[in-house]
Amino acid sequence: MTSKELSYVEDALGHEKFMKSCSKKTSSKLQDVNLANYMAELEKTHGDLYSKFLNLL
């Protein structure tokens, strides 16, 4: 893996980690059940994407 590719993967990992934490915080604060469930799904999606990017290393 080139340094440019490694830099991209590290950047993507940071973004996915941030999006997962934002989704988790938001879902816990929402009172609308449907919206909270949607945010929980987004948390899972970003967690899965984080794992996929991590497996590239």
N, C-alpha and C. Protein backbone atom coordinates (compact mmCIF):
# COMPACT_ATOMS: atom_id res chain seq x y z
N MET A 1 0.86 -1.17 0.00
CA MET A 1 0.00 0.00 0.00
C MET A 1 0.91 1.24 0.00
N THR A 2 0.60 2.17 -0.87
CA THR A 2 1.41 3.39 -0.94
C THR A 2 1.07 4.31 0.23
N SER A 3 1.91 5.29 0.45
CA SER A 3 1.66 6.23 1.55
C SER A 3 0.40 7.05 1.29
N LYS A 4 0.13 7.32 0.01
CA LYS A 4 -1.09 8.07 -0.33
C LYS A 4 -2.33 7.24 -0.01
N GLU A 5 -2.29 5.95 -0.34
CA GLU A 5 -3.41 5.07 -0.05
C GLU A 5 -3.59 4.90 1.46
N LEU A 6 -2.50 4.77 2.17
CA LEU A 6 -2.56 4.64 3.63
C LEU A 6 -3.16 5.90 4.24
N SER A 7 -2.78 7.04 3.72
CA SER A 7 -3.33 8.31 4.21
C SER A 7 -4.84 8.37 3.99
N TYR A 8 -5.29 7.89 2.82
CA TYR A 8 -6.72 7.88 2.53
C TYR A 8 -7.46 6.97 3.51
N VAL A 9 -6.93 5.78 3.75
CA VAL A 9 -7.59 4.84 4.66
C VAL A 9 -7.64 5.40 6.07
N GLU A 10 -6.56 6.01 6.52
CA GLU A 10 -6.55 6.62 7.86
C GLU A 10 -7.57 7.74 7.95
N ASP A 11 -7.69 8.54 6.90
CA ASP A 11 -8.67 9.62 6.87
C ASP A 11 -10.09 9.06 6.91
N ALA A 12 -10.32 8.03 6.13
CA ALA A 12 -11.64 7.39 6.10
C ALA A 12 -11.99 6.79 7.46
N LEU A 13 -11.01 6.19 8.13
CA LEU A 13 -11.24 5.64 9.47
C LEU A 13 -11.67 6.74 10.45
N GLY A 14 -10.99 7.87 10.37
CA GLY A 14 -11.34 8.99 11.24
C GLY A 14 -12.74 9.49 10.99
N HIS A 15 -13.12 9.59 9.72
CA HIS A 15 -14.47 10.06 9.38
C HIS A 15 -15.53 9.07 9.87
N GLU A 16 -15.30 7.79 9.65
CA GLU A 16 -16.29 6.79 10.07
C GLU A 16 -16.42 6.74 11.59
N LYS A 17 -15.31 6.87 12.29
CA LYS A 17 -15.35 6.88 13.76
C LYS A 17 -16.15 8.09 14.25
N PHE A 18 -15.91 9.24 13.63
CA PHE A 18 -16.64 10.47 14.00
C PHE A 18 -18.14 10.32 13.71
N MET A 19 -18.49 9.79 12.53
CA MET A 19 -19.89 9.65 12.18
C MET A 19 -20.60 8.65 13.10
N LYS A 20 -19.90 7.58 13.48
CA LYS A 20 -20.49 6.60 14.40
C LYS A 20 -20.78 7.24 15.75
N SER A 21 -19.82 8.02 16.26
CA SER A 21 -20.03 8.64 17.58
C SER A 21 -21.13 9.70 17.52
N CYS A 22 -21.19 10.45 16.43
CA CYS A 22 -22.26 11.45 16.29
C CYS A 22 -23.63 10.79 16.21
N SER A 23 -23.71 9.70 15.46
CA SER A 23 -24.98 8.98 15.34
C SER A 23 -25.43 8.43 16.68
N LYS A 24 -24.48 7.90 17.44
CA LYS A 24 -24.80 7.33 18.75
C LYS A 24 -25.30 8.41 19.71
N LYS A 25 -24.59 9.54 19.75
CA LYS A 25 -25.00 10.64 20.65
C LYS A 25 -26.38 11.16 20.27
N THR A 26 -26.61 11.31 18.98
CA THR A 26 -27.87 11.87 18.51
C THR A 26 -29.03 10.92 18.79
N SER A 27 -28.84 9.64 18.54
CA SER A 27 -29.94 8.68 18.75
C SER A 27 -30.35 8.61 20.22
N SER A 28 -29.40 8.82 21.12
CA SER A 28 -29.75 8.76 22.54
C SER A 28 -30.51 10.00 23.01
N LYS A 29 -30.41 11.10 22.25
CA LYS A 29 -31.07 12.34 22.65
C LYS A 29 -32.44 12.53 22.01
N LEU A 30 -32.74 11.76 20.99
CA LEU A 30 -33.99 11.96 20.25
C LEU A 30 -35.18 11.36 20.99
N GLN A 31 -36.30 12.05 20.92
CA GLN A 31 -37.53 11.54 21.52
C GLN A 31 -38.38 10.81 20.50
N ASP A 32 -38.25 11.15 19.24
CA ASP A 32 -38.97 10.48 18.17
C ASP A 32 -38.36 9.08 17.98
N VAL A 33 -39.15 8.07 18.22
CA VAL A 33 -38.66 6.69 18.20
C VAL A 33 -38.17 6.30 16.80
N ASN A 34 -38.93 6.66 15.77
CA ASN A 34 -38.53 6.30 14.41
C ASN A 34 -37.20 6.95 14.03
N LEU A 35 -37.05 8.20 14.37
CA LEU A 35 -35.81 8.90 14.05
C LEU A 35 -34.64 8.35 14.87
N ALA A 36 -34.89 8.03 16.12
CA ALA A 36 -33.85 7.44 16.97
C ALA A 36 -33.41 6.08 16.42
N ASN A 37 -34.38 5.29 15.93
CA ASN A 37 -34.05 3.99 15.33
C ASN A 37 -33.23 4.17 14.06
N TYR A 38 -33.57 5.17 13.26
CA TYR A 38 -32.82 5.45 12.05
C TYR A 38 -31.38 5.83 12.38
N MET A 39 -31.22 6.66 13.40
CA MET A 39 -29.86 7.06 13.79
C MET A 39 -29.08 5.86 14.34
N ALA A 40 -29.75 4.95 15.01
CA ALA A 40 -29.10 3.74 15.49
C ALA A 40 -28.64 2.87 14.31
N GLU A 41 -29.45 2.84 13.24
CA GLU A 41 -29.05 2.12 12.04
C GLU A 41 -27.82 2.76 11.41
N LEU A 42 -27.80 4.09 11.39
CA LEU A 42 -26.64 4.80 10.85
C LEU A 42 -25.39 4.50 11.68
N GLU A 43 -25.56 4.41 12.99
CA GLU A 43 -24.43 4.06 13.86
C GLU A 43 -23.86 2.69 13.48
N LYS A 44 -24.75 1.73 13.25
CA LYS A 44 -24.30 0.40 12.85
C LYS A 44 -23.62 0.44 11.49
N THR A 45 -24.19 1.17 10.55
CA THR A 45 -23.62 1.28 9.21
C THR A 45 -22.21 1.85 9.26
N HIS A 46 -22.03 2.92 10.03
CA HIS A 46 -20.71 3.53 10.12
C HIS A 46 -19.73 2.64 10.88
N GLY A 47 -20.22 1.88 11.83
CA GLY A 47 -19.36 0.91 12.52
C GLY A 47 -18.90 -0.18 11.57
N ASP A 48 -19.80 -0.63 10.71
CA ASP A 48 -19.44 -1.65 9.71
C ASP A 48 -18.42 -1.10 8.71
N LEU A 49 -18.64 0.12 8.26
CA LEU A 49 -17.69 0.74 7.33
C LEU A 49 -16.32 0.93 7.97
N TYR A 50 -16.31 1.30 9.25
CA TYR A 50 -15.05 1.44 9.98
C TYR A 50 -14.29 0.11 9.98
N SER A 51 -15.01 -0.96 10.25
CA SER A 51 -14.40 -2.30 10.28
C SER A 51 -13.83 -2.68 8.91
N LYS A 52 -14.57 -2.36 7.85
CA LYS A 52 -14.11 -2.69 6.51
C LYS A 52 -12.83 -1.93 6.17
N PHE A 53 -12.79 -0.64 6.51
CA PHE A 53 -11.58 0.14 6.25
C PHE A 53 -10.41 -0.38 7.10
N LEU A 54 -10.70 -0.76 8.32
CA LEU A 54 -9.65 -1.28 9.20
C LEU A 54 -9.08 -2.58 8.65
N ASN A 55 -9.91 -3.39 8.03
CA ASN A 55 -9.45 -4.65 7.46
C ASN A 55 -8.55 -4.44 6.25
N LEU A 56 -8.55 -3.25 5.68
CA LEU A 56 -7.66 -2.96 4.55
C LEU A 56 -6.21 -2.85 5.00
N LEU A 57 -6.02 -2.57 6.28
CA LEU A 57 -4.65 -2.35 6.77
C LEU A 57 -3.92 -3.64 7.06
